[in-house]
């Protein structure tokens, strides 16, 4: 089977945020697999005009548009800010719409507190469903993220998180493959 294309989106542009460590780790973890191709998109690299948002400005982000158009799935890494997701994440996702339909999405929650981004994932589920994405039932949560990586950005509990990531990625790959087959072989209902 042709490799699945599953880009990663780091959905925060806060300077020095711990979510960057999570995104780099997830990228490295996914790049070790033979069944998928991935690339990391960082919210820091999206520069929005102050007077326009939405799909009318997608021409400003051609790499993102091409990656999602050709993607079979998507991983979104989002820190929990006040029980919700960052505004920049919503702005990035709103650049596209039909490009997401019938594609899988896996959600990674990040939090400085004990819940590991559970609430941000709960907040994102209805939003990504509205975009046409199919959410996996497995998530990865990073609780107390400031304690999960060392000063060089290496994960401390590599074995524990590798097990969680395998379950998460396996489910995402399964759903992405099934939905690719569906997009290719089933005529969309009108």
N, C-alpha and C. Protein backbone atom coordinates (compact mmCIF):
# COMPACT_ATOMS: atom_id res chain seq x y z
N UNK A 1 0.83 -1.18 0.00
CA UNK A 1 0.00 0.00 0.00
C UNK A 1 0.88 1.25 0.00
N UNK A 2 0.44 2.25 -0.72
CA UNK A 2 1.14 3.53 -0.76
C UNK A 2 1.15 4.14 0.64
N UNK A 3 2.24 4.79 0.99
CA UNK A 3 2.34 5.42 2.30
C UNK A 3 1.22 6.42 2.52
N UNK A 4 0.75 6.49 3.74
CA UNK A 4 -0.25 7.48 4.11
C UNK A 4 0.45 8.80 4.39
N UNK A 5 -0.19 9.88 3.99
CA UNK A 5 0.36 11.22 4.23
C UNK A 5 -0.42 11.85 5.37
N UNK A 6 0.28 12.07 6.49
CA UNK A 6 -0.36 12.59 7.70
C UNK A 6 0.50 13.72 8.27
N UNK A 7 0.21 14.96 7.90
CA UNK A 7 0.95 16.09 8.47
C UNK A 7 0.58 16.32 9.93
N UNK A 8 1.45 17.03 10.62
CA UNK A 8 1.26 17.41 12.02
C UNK A 8 1.14 18.93 12.08
N UNK A 9 0.20 19.41 12.87
CA UNK A 9 0.04 20.84 13.08
C UNK A 9 0.24 21.15 14.56
N UNK A 10 1.25 21.96 14.86
CA UNK A 10 1.44 22.49 16.21
C UNK A 10 0.61 23.76 16.29
N UNK A 11 -0.44 23.74 17.10
CA UNK A 11 -1.43 24.79 17.09
C UNK A 11 -1.25 25.90 18.10
N UNK A 12 -0.03 26.31 18.36
CA UNK A 12 0.20 27.46 19.24
C UNK A 12 1.41 28.23 18.74
N UNK A 13 1.38 29.53 18.94
CA UNK A 13 2.52 30.36 18.56
C UNK A 13 3.12 31.08 19.77
N UNK A 14 2.84 30.61 20.97
CA UNK A 14 3.45 31.20 22.16
C UNK A 14 4.94 30.91 22.17
N UNK A 15 5.71 31.93 22.49
CA UNK A 15 7.16 31.76 22.56
C UNK A 15 7.52 30.88 23.75
N UNK A 16 8.46 29.97 23.51
CA UNK A 16 8.97 29.12 24.57
C UNK A 16 7.98 28.11 25.12
N UNK A 17 6.93 27.83 24.38
CA UNK A 17 5.93 26.89 24.89
C UNK A 17 6.48 25.46 24.89
N UNK A 18 6.02 24.69 25.85
CA UNK A 18 6.45 23.29 25.98
C UNK A 18 5.87 22.40 24.87
N UNK A 19 4.83 22.86 24.22
CA UNK A 19 4.21 22.07 23.15
C UNK A 19 5.18 21.83 21.99
N UNK A 20 6.18 22.68 21.84
CA UNK A 20 7.17 22.49 20.78
C UNK A 20 7.93 21.18 20.98
N UNK A 21 8.22 20.84 22.23
CA UNK A 21 8.89 19.56 22.52
C UNK A 21 8.01 18.39 22.12
N UNK A 22 6.72 18.51 22.43
CA UNK A 22 5.77 17.46 22.07
C UNK A 22 5.71 17.29 20.56
N UNK A 23 5.65 18.40 19.83
CA UNK A 23 5.56 18.35 18.37
C UNK A 23 6.81 17.70 17.76
N UNK A 24 7.97 18.08 18.25
CA UNK A 24 9.22 17.48 17.72
C UNK A 24 9.28 15.99 18.02
N UNK A 25 8.85 15.61 19.22
CA UNK A 25 8.85 14.21 19.59
C UNK A 25 7.87 13.42 18.73
N UNK A 26 6.67 13.96 18.52
CA UNK A 26 5.67 13.27 17.69
C UNK A 26 6.16 13.14 16.25
N UNK A 27 6.79 14.18 15.73
CA UNK A 27 7.35 14.13 14.38
C UNK A 27 8.39 13.01 14.28
N UNK A 28 9.31 12.96 15.21
CA UNK A 28 10.34 11.91 15.20
C UNK A 28 9.73 10.52 15.33
N UNK A 29 8.72 10.39 16.17
CA UNK A 29 8.05 9.10 16.38
C UNK A 29 7.36 8.65 15.09
N UNK A 30 6.66 9.56 14.45
CA UNK A 30 5.95 9.20 13.22
C UNK A 30 6.91 8.95 12.06
N UNK A 31 8.03 9.65 12.02
CA UNK A 31 9.00 9.46 10.94
C UNK A 31 9.67 8.09 10.99
N UNK A 32 9.61 7.41 12.11
CA UNK A 32 10.21 6.08 12.24
C UNK A 32 9.37 5.00 11.57
N UNK A 33 8.15 5.32 11.23
CA UNK A 33 7.24 4.33 10.65
C UNK A 33 7.43 4.24 9.15
N UNK A 34 7.28 3.02 8.63
CA UNK A 34 7.41 2.79 7.19
C UNK A 34 6.12 3.02 6.42
N UNK A 35 4.99 3.13 7.14
CA UNK A 35 3.70 3.21 6.47
C UNK A 35 3.17 4.62 6.31
N UNK A 36 3.94 5.63 6.71
CA UNK A 36 3.43 6.99 6.56
C UNK A 36 4.53 8.01 6.31
N UNK A 37 4.10 9.12 5.74
CA UNK A 37 4.95 10.29 5.53
C UNK A 37 4.36 11.43 6.34
N UNK A 38 5.22 12.23 6.94
CA UNK A 38 4.71 13.34 7.73
C UNK A 38 5.61 14.55 7.61
N UNK A 39 5.06 15.69 7.96
CA UNK A 39 5.78 16.95 7.99
C UNK A 39 5.14 17.77 9.10
N UNK A 40 5.92 18.61 9.75
CA UNK A 40 5.42 19.43 10.85
C UNK A 40 5.15 20.85 10.37
N UNK A 41 3.94 21.32 10.65
CA UNK A 41 3.57 22.72 10.44
C UNK A 41 3.46 23.37 11.81
N UNK A 42 4.10 24.52 11.97
CA UNK A 42 4.15 25.23 13.24
C UNK A 42 3.37 26.53 13.11
N UNK A 43 2.50 26.79 14.07
CA UNK A 43 1.69 28.02 14.03
C UNK A 43 2.55 29.28 13.96
N UNK A 44 3.81 29.20 14.41
CA UNK A 44 4.71 30.35 14.31
C UNK A 44 4.93 30.79 12.86
N UNK A 45 4.76 29.85 11.93
CA UNK A 45 5.04 30.13 10.52
C UNK A 45 3.84 30.67 9.75
N UNK A 46 2.71 30.81 10.41
CA UNK A 46 1.50 31.33 9.76
C UNK A 46 1.35 32.80 10.15
N UNK A 47 1.44 33.67 9.18
CA UNK A 47 1.32 35.11 9.43
C UNK A 47 0.04 35.61 8.79
N UNK A 48 -0.93 35.90 9.63
CA UNK A 48 -2.25 36.30 9.16
C UNK A 48 -2.34 37.81 9.00
N UNK A 49 -3.05 38.26 7.98
CA UNK A 49 -3.32 39.70 7.86
C UNK A 49 -4.24 40.13 9.00
N UNK A 50 -4.19 41.37 9.37
CA UNK A 50 -5.01 41.84 10.49
C UNK A 50 -6.46 42.12 10.08
N UNK A 51 -6.74 42.09 8.78
CA UNK A 51 -8.08 42.46 8.35
C UNK A 51 -8.82 41.37 7.55
N UNK A 52 -8.32 40.12 7.57
CA UNK A 52 -8.99 39.08 6.81
C UNK A 52 -8.63 37.70 7.36
N UNK A 53 -9.61 36.82 7.41
CA UNK A 53 -9.43 35.44 7.84
C UNK A 53 -10.30 34.56 6.98
N UNK A 54 -10.16 33.24 7.15
CA UNK A 54 -11.02 32.31 6.45
C UNK A 54 -10.42 31.83 5.14
N UNK A 55 -11.22 31.11 4.38
CA UNK A 55 -10.73 30.46 3.17
C UNK A 55 -10.34 31.43 2.06
N UNK A 56 -10.75 32.68 2.16
CA UNK A 56 -10.39 33.66 1.14
C UNK A 56 -8.88 33.94 1.11
N UNK A 57 -8.18 33.61 2.19
CA UNK A 57 -6.74 33.90 2.24
C UNK A 57 -5.87 32.66 2.13
N UNK A 58 -6.45 31.55 1.68
CA UNK A 58 -5.65 30.33 1.62
C UNK A 58 -4.47 30.44 0.65
N UNK A 59 -4.54 31.34 -0.29
CA UNK A 59 -3.42 31.54 -1.21
C UNK A 59 -2.15 32.01 -0.48
N UNK A 60 -2.30 32.51 0.74
CA UNK A 60 -1.13 32.96 1.53
C UNK A 60 -0.35 31.79 2.12
N UNK A 61 -0.95 30.59 2.12
CA UNK A 61 -0.35 29.44 2.78
C UNK A 61 -0.32 28.23 1.85
N UNK A 62 0.38 28.32 0.72
CA UNK A 62 0.33 27.25 -0.28
C UNK A 62 0.85 25.90 0.23
N UNK A 63 1.86 25.90 1.07
CA UNK A 63 2.39 24.62 1.58
C UNK A 63 1.35 23.90 2.44
N UNK A 64 0.65 24.66 3.27
CA UNK A 64 -0.39 24.10 4.13
C UNK A 64 -1.54 23.57 3.27
N UNK A 65 -1.96 24.35 2.30
CA UNK A 65 -3.06 23.94 1.42
C UNK A 65 -2.70 22.65 0.70
N UNK A 66 -1.52 22.59 0.12
CA UNK A 66 -1.10 21.39 -0.62
C UNK A 66 -0.99 20.17 0.30
N UNK A 67 -0.42 20.38 1.49
CA UNK A 67 -0.26 19.26 2.43
C UNK A 67 -1.60 18.68 2.84
N UNK A 68 -2.56 19.54 3.17
CA UNK A 68 -3.87 19.05 3.61
C UNK A 68 -4.65 18.46 2.44
N UNK A 69 -4.57 19.08 1.27
CA UNK A 69 -5.27 18.57 0.09
C UNK A 69 -4.80 17.15 -0.23
N UNK A 70 -3.50 16.88 -0.06
CA UNK A 70 -2.94 15.57 -0.39
C UNK A 70 -2.88 14.63 0.81
N UNK A 71 -3.31 15.10 1.97
CA UNK A 71 -3.22 14.31 3.20
C UNK A 71 -4.29 13.23 3.25
N UNK A 72 -3.95 12.18 4.00
CA UNK A 72 -4.92 11.14 4.32
C UNK A 72 -5.45 11.32 5.74
N UNK A 73 -4.73 12.05 6.53
CA UNK A 73 -5.11 12.31 7.91
C UNK A 73 -4.33 13.50 8.43
N UNK A 74 -4.51 13.80 9.69
CA UNK A 74 -3.89 14.97 10.29
C UNK A 74 -3.71 14.72 11.78
N UNK A 75 -2.61 15.21 12.34
CA UNK A 75 -2.40 15.23 13.78
C UNK A 75 -2.39 16.68 14.21
N UNK A 76 -3.18 16.99 15.22
CA UNK A 76 -3.20 18.35 15.77
C UNK A 76 -2.70 18.29 17.20
N UNK A 77 -1.67 19.06 17.48
CA UNK A 77 -1.12 19.19 18.83
C UNK A 77 -1.55 20.54 19.36
N UNK A 78 -2.29 20.52 20.47
CA UNK A 78 -2.83 21.77 21.00
C UNK A 78 -2.65 21.85 22.51
N UNK A 79 -2.10 22.94 22.99
CA UNK A 79 -2.07 23.16 24.43
C UNK A 79 -3.44 23.64 24.90
N UNK A 80 -3.72 23.37 26.15
CA UNK A 80 -4.97 23.81 26.74
C UNK A 80 -4.77 25.18 27.37
N UNK A 81 -5.46 26.17 26.85
CA UNK A 81 -5.42 27.53 27.40
C UNK A 81 -6.82 27.86 27.91
N UNK A 82 -6.97 27.97 29.21
CA UNK A 82 -8.26 28.32 29.82
C UNK A 82 -9.39 27.41 29.34
N UNK A 83 -9.13 26.11 29.35
CA UNK A 83 -10.09 25.06 28.97
C UNK A 83 -10.39 25.04 27.48
N UNK A 84 -9.63 25.73 26.68
CA UNK A 84 -9.90 25.77 25.24
C UNK A 84 -8.63 25.68 24.42
N UNK A 85 -8.79 25.85 23.12
CA UNK A 85 -7.67 25.78 22.19
C UNK A 85 -7.25 27.19 21.81
N UNK A 86 -6.01 27.36 21.37
CA UNK A 86 -5.52 28.68 20.96
C UNK A 86 -6.25 29.23 19.74
N UNK A 87 -6.47 30.53 19.72
CA UNK A 87 -7.13 31.18 18.60
C UNK A 87 -6.39 30.99 17.30
N UNK A 88 -5.06 30.98 17.34
CA UNK A 88 -4.28 30.80 16.11
C UNK A 88 -4.57 29.44 15.49
N UNK A 89 -4.81 28.43 16.31
CA UNK A 89 -5.15 27.11 15.79
C UNK A 89 -6.44 27.17 14.98
N UNK A 90 -7.44 27.81 15.53
CA UNK A 90 -8.73 27.95 14.82
C UNK A 90 -8.55 28.73 13.54
N UNK A 91 -7.75 29.78 13.57
CA UNK A 91 -7.51 30.57 12.36
C UNK A 91 -6.85 29.73 11.27
N UNK A 92 -5.87 28.92 11.66
CA UNK A 92 -5.18 28.06 10.68
C UNK A 92 -6.16 27.05 10.09
N UNK A 93 -6.92 26.39 10.94
CA UNK A 93 -7.85 25.38 10.44
C UNK A 93 -8.92 25.99 9.55
N UNK A 94 -9.35 27.21 9.84
CA UNK A 94 -10.40 27.85 9.06
C UNK A 94 -9.95 28.30 7.67
N UNK A 95 -8.67 28.21 7.38
CA UNK A 95 -8.18 28.56 6.04
C UNK A 95 -8.72 27.57 5.00
N UNK A 96 -9.01 26.36 5.44
CA UNK A 96 -9.50 25.32 4.53
C UNK A 96 -10.85 24.81 5.00
N UNK A 97 -11.53 24.07 4.15
CA UNK A 97 -12.77 23.42 4.55
C UNK A 97 -12.93 22.10 3.81
N UNK A 98 -13.24 22.16 2.52
CA UNK A 98 -13.51 20.92 1.79
C UNK A 98 -12.30 19.99 1.76
N UNK A 99 -11.11 20.53 1.96
CA UNK A 99 -9.90 19.71 1.93
C UNK A 99 -9.82 18.73 3.10
N UNK A 100 -10.59 18.97 4.16
CA UNK A 100 -10.58 18.10 5.34
C UNK A 100 -11.59 16.95 5.25
N UNK A 101 -12.57 17.07 4.40
CA UNK A 101 -13.71 16.17 4.44
C UNK A 101 -13.29 14.71 4.20
N UNK A 102 -13.79 13.84 5.09
CA UNK A 102 -13.54 12.40 5.07
C UNK A 102 -12.07 12.06 5.26
N UNK A 103 -11.41 12.80 6.12
CA UNK A 103 -10.03 12.50 6.51
C UNK A 103 -9.99 12.34 8.03
N UNK A 104 -9.08 11.51 8.50
CA UNK A 104 -8.95 11.24 9.93
C UNK A 104 -8.12 12.32 10.61
N UNK A 105 -8.41 12.55 11.88
CA UNK A 105 -7.61 13.47 12.67
C UNK A 105 -7.37 12.84 14.04
N UNK A 106 -6.12 12.91 14.48
CA UNK A 106 -5.75 12.49 15.83
C UNK A 106 -5.37 13.72 16.62
N UNK A 107 -5.82 13.77 17.87
CA UNK A 107 -5.63 14.95 18.70
C UNK A 107 -4.66 14.66 19.84
N UNK A 108 -3.73 15.59 20.04
CA UNK A 108 -2.74 15.50 21.11
C UNK A 108 -2.95 16.71 22.01
N UNK A 109 -3.27 16.45 23.27
CA UNK A 109 -3.50 17.52 24.23
C UNK A 109 -2.30 17.75 25.11
N UNK A 110 -2.04 19.01 25.40
CA UNK A 110 -0.88 19.40 26.20
C UNK A 110 -1.36 20.34 27.30
N UNK A 111 -0.87 20.11 28.51
CA UNK A 111 -1.28 20.96 29.62
C UNK A 111 -0.18 21.05 30.66
N UNK A 112 -0.08 22.21 31.29
CA UNK A 112 0.83 22.37 32.42
C UNK A 112 0.24 21.74 33.67
N UNK A 113 -1.05 21.47 33.66
CA UNK A 113 -1.74 20.90 34.81
C UNK A 113 -1.86 19.39 34.72
N UNK A 114 -2.61 18.81 35.65
CA UNK A 114 -2.68 17.35 35.76
C UNK A 114 -3.57 16.65 34.75
N UNK A 115 -4.38 17.38 33.98
CA UNK A 115 -5.34 16.73 33.10
C UNK A 115 -4.80 16.46 31.70
N UNK A 116 -3.64 16.95 31.37
CA UNK A 116 -2.99 16.59 30.11
C UNK A 116 -3.68 17.04 28.85
N UNK A 117 -4.37 18.16 28.92
CA UNK A 117 -5.03 18.66 27.72
C UNK A 117 -6.33 17.97 27.40
N UNK A 118 -6.90 17.24 28.36
CA UNK A 118 -8.17 16.56 28.13
C UNK A 118 -9.25 17.54 27.71
N UNK A 119 -9.29 18.70 28.36
CA UNK A 119 -10.35 19.66 28.07
C UNK A 119 -10.17 20.31 26.70
N UNK A 120 -8.92 20.51 26.27
CA UNK A 120 -8.71 21.07 24.94
C UNK A 120 -9.17 20.07 23.87
N UNK A 121 -8.94 18.80 24.11
CA UNK A 121 -9.40 17.78 23.16
C UNK A 121 -10.93 17.78 23.12
N UNK A 122 -11.56 17.83 24.29
CA UNK A 122 -13.02 17.89 24.32
C UNK A 122 -13.54 19.11 23.56
N UNK A 123 -12.85 20.24 23.67
CA UNK A 123 -13.28 21.45 22.97
C UNK A 123 -13.05 21.34 21.46
N UNK A 124 -12.02 20.61 21.05
CA UNK A 124 -11.71 20.52 19.62
C UNK A 124 -12.61 19.54 18.86
N UNK A 125 -13.10 18.52 19.53
CA UNK A 125 -13.87 17.48 18.82
C UNK A 125 -15.03 18.06 18.01
N UNK A 126 -15.93 18.86 18.60
CA UNK A 126 -17.02 19.38 17.75
C UNK A 126 -16.53 20.32 16.65
N UNK A 127 -15.46 21.03 16.90
CA UNK A 127 -14.93 21.95 15.90
C UNK A 127 -14.36 21.19 14.70
N UNK A 128 -13.55 20.16 14.94
CA UNK A 128 -12.97 19.43 13.81
C UNK A 128 -14.02 18.58 13.10
N UNK A 129 -15.03 18.12 13.82
CA UNK A 129 -16.15 17.42 13.17
C UNK A 129 -16.86 18.34 12.19
N UNK A 130 -17.05 19.59 12.58
CA UNK A 130 -17.71 20.55 11.69
C UNK A 130 -16.89 20.78 10.42
N UNK A 131 -15.58 20.63 10.51
CA UNK A 131 -14.72 20.77 9.33
C UNK A 131 -14.77 19.54 8.42
N UNK A 132 -15.38 18.45 8.89
CA UNK A 132 -15.48 17.24 8.08
C UNK A 132 -14.46 16.18 8.43
N UNK A 133 -13.67 16.43 9.48
CA UNK A 133 -12.67 15.46 9.90
C UNK A 133 -13.29 14.38 10.78
N UNK A 134 -12.75 13.17 10.72
CA UNK A 134 -13.21 12.05 11.54
C UNK A 134 -12.20 11.84 12.65
N UNK A 135 -12.64 12.02 13.88
CA UNK A 135 -11.75 11.98 15.04
C UNK A 135 -11.50 10.54 15.48
N UNK A 136 -10.25 10.21 15.73
CA UNK A 136 -9.90 8.90 16.26
C UNK A 136 -10.39 8.78 17.70
N UNK A 137 -10.51 7.56 18.20
CA UNK A 137 -10.92 7.38 19.58
C UNK A 137 -9.72 7.38 20.53
N UNK A 138 -8.52 7.33 20.00
CA UNK A 138 -7.30 7.37 20.81
C UNK A 138 -6.68 8.75 20.74
N UNK A 139 -6.29 9.26 21.89
CA UNK A 139 -5.59 10.54 21.97
C UNK A 139 -4.27 10.32 22.69
N UNK A 140 -3.41 11.32 22.64
CA UNK A 140 -2.21 11.33 23.48
C UNK A 140 -2.29 12.60 24.32
N UNK A 141 -2.08 12.44 25.61
CA UNK A 141 -2.17 13.56 26.53
C UNK A 141 -0.84 13.74 27.25
N UNK A 142 -0.40 14.99 27.31
CA UNK A 142 0.82 15.34 28.03
C UNK A 142 0.44 16.22 29.22
N UNK A 143 0.28 15.58 30.39
CA UNK A 143 0.00 16.31 31.63
C UNK A 143 1.31 16.85 32.20
N UNK A 144 1.23 17.96 32.90
CA UNK A 144 2.43 18.56 33.51
C UNK A 144 3.59 18.53 32.53
N UNK A 145 3.34 19.03 31.34
CA UNK A 145 4.30 18.91 30.24
C UNK A 145 5.68 19.47 30.60
N UNK A 146 5.73 20.47 31.46
CA UNK A 146 7.01 21.06 31.85
C UNK A 146 7.91 20.06 32.57
N UNK A 147 7.35 18.95 33.04
CA UNK A 147 8.13 17.91 33.71
C UNK A 147 8.40 16.70 32.81
N UNK A 148 7.92 16.69 31.59
CA UNK A 148 8.02 15.52 30.72
C UNK A 148 9.26 15.49 29.83
N UNK A 149 9.94 16.65 29.70
CA UNK A 149 11.11 16.75 28.83
C UNK A 149 12.27 17.34 29.62
N UNK A 150 13.50 16.93 29.25
CA UNK A 150 14.66 17.50 29.92
C UNK A 150 15.05 18.84 29.29
N UNK A 151 16.14 19.41 29.75
CA UNK A 151 16.58 20.74 29.28
C UNK A 151 16.90 20.77 27.79
N UNK A 152 17.28 19.62 27.22
CA UNK A 152 17.58 19.54 25.79
C UNK A 152 16.36 19.21 24.94
N UNK A 153 15.22 19.02 25.59
CA UNK A 153 14.00 18.71 24.85
C UNK A 153 13.75 17.24 24.62
N UNK A 154 14.49 16.36 25.32
CA UNK A 154 14.29 14.92 25.17
C UNK A 154 13.25 14.45 26.18
N UNK A 155 12.39 13.56 25.74
CA UNK A 155 11.33 13.05 26.61
C UNK A 155 11.93 12.15 27.68
N UNK A 156 11.44 12.28 28.89
CA UNK A 156 11.97 11.52 30.02
C UNK A 156 11.40 10.09 30.07
N UNK A 157 10.11 9.93 29.84
CA UNK A 157 9.47 8.62 29.89
C UNK A 157 9.26 8.12 28.46
N UNK A 158 10.37 7.85 27.79
CA UNK A 158 10.31 7.47 26.37
C UNK A 158 9.51 6.18 26.16
N UNK A 159 9.66 5.21 27.03
CA UNK A 159 8.97 3.93 26.86
C UNK A 159 7.47 4.09 27.06
N UNK A 160 7.07 4.77 28.11
CA UNK A 160 5.64 4.96 28.38
C UNK A 160 4.95 5.74 27.28
N UNK A 161 5.56 6.83 26.84
CA UNK A 161 4.94 7.62 25.77
C UNK A 161 5.02 6.91 24.42
N UNK A 162 6.04 6.10 24.21
CA UNK A 162 6.12 5.34 22.95
C UNK A 162 4.95 4.37 22.84
N UNK A 163 4.58 3.73 23.96
CA UNK A 163 3.44 2.81 23.95
C UNK A 163 2.15 3.56 23.63
N UNK A 164 1.95 4.71 24.27
CA UNK A 164 0.74 5.51 24.02
C UNK A 164 0.71 5.99 22.57
N UNK A 165 1.86 6.44 22.09
CA UNK A 165 1.92 6.95 20.71
C UNK A 165 1.66 5.84 19.70
N UNK A 166 2.13 4.63 19.97
CA UNK A 166 1.89 3.53 19.04
C UNK A 166 0.40 3.26 18.90
N UNK A 167 -0.32 3.19 20.01
CA UNK A 167 -1.77 2.97 19.96
C UNK A 167 -2.45 4.10 19.19
N UNK A 168 -2.05 5.32 19.48
CA UNK A 168 -2.61 6.50 18.84
C UNK A 168 -2.36 6.48 17.32
N UNK A 169 -1.11 6.25 16.93
CA UNK A 169 -0.75 6.28 15.51
C UNK A 169 -1.35 5.08 14.77
N UNK A 170 -1.35 3.91 15.41
CA UNK A 170 -1.98 2.74 14.78
C UNK A 170 -3.44 3.01 14.44
N UNK A 171 -4.18 3.60 15.37
CA UNK A 171 -5.59 3.92 15.12
C UNK A 171 -5.72 4.97 14.02
N UNK A 172 -4.86 5.99 14.06
CA UNK A 172 -4.89 7.04 13.04
C UNK A 172 -4.58 6.47 11.66
N UNK A 173 -3.61 5.59 11.58
CA UNK A 173 -3.26 4.95 10.31
C UNK A 173 -4.42 4.10 9.79
N UNK A 174 -5.04 3.32 10.69
CA UNK A 174 -6.18 2.49 10.27
C UNK A 174 -7.29 3.36 9.71
N UNK A 175 -7.68 4.40 10.46
CA UNK A 175 -8.77 5.27 10.00
C UNK A 175 -8.39 6.01 8.73
N UNK A 176 -7.15 6.46 8.63
CA UNK A 176 -6.71 7.18 7.44
C UNK A 176 -6.76 6.28 6.21
N UNK A 177 -6.33 5.02 6.39
CA UNK A 177 -6.36 4.06 5.27
C UNK A 177 -7.79 3.75 4.87
N UNK A 178 -8.67 3.55 5.84
CA UNK A 178 -10.07 3.24 5.54
C UNK A 178 -10.73 4.42 4.83
N UNK A 179 -10.47 5.61 5.31
CA UNK A 179 -11.08 6.78 4.69
C UNK A 179 -10.48 7.07 3.32
N UNK A 180 -9.20 6.77 3.12
CA UNK A 180 -8.61 6.91 1.78
C UNK A 180 -9.33 5.97 0.81
N UNK A 181 -9.52 4.73 1.25
CA UNK A 181 -10.23 3.77 0.40
C UNK A 181 -11.62 4.30 0.08
N UNK A 182 -12.31 4.82 1.07
CA UNK A 182 -13.65 5.35 0.85
C UNK A 182 -13.66 6.52 -0.11
N UNK A 183 -12.72 7.44 0.05
CA UNK A 183 -12.67 8.60 -0.86
C UNK A 183 -12.38 8.17 -2.29
N UNK A 184 -11.60 7.10 -2.43
CA UNK A 184 -11.22 6.61 -3.75
C UNK A 184 -12.30 5.76 -4.40
N UNK A 185 -13.00 4.95 -3.60
CA UNK A 185 -13.90 3.93 -4.16
C UNK A 185 -15.38 4.17 -4.01
N UNK A 186 -15.77 5.06 -3.16
CA UNK A 186 -17.19 5.30 -2.94
C UNK A 186 -17.58 6.67 -3.46
N UNK A 187 -18.64 6.70 -4.21
CA UNK A 187 -19.14 7.98 -4.69
C UNK A 187 -19.80 8.70 -3.52
N UNK A 188 -19.46 9.94 -3.34
CA UNK A 188 -20.03 10.72 -2.25
C UNK A 188 -21.54 10.81 -2.40
N UNK A 189 -22.22 10.68 -1.29
CA UNK A 189 -23.68 10.81 -1.31
C UNK A 189 -24.05 12.26 -1.53
N UNK A 190 -25.04 12.49 -2.37
CA UNK A 190 -25.43 13.88 -2.64
C UNK A 190 -26.76 14.20 -2.00
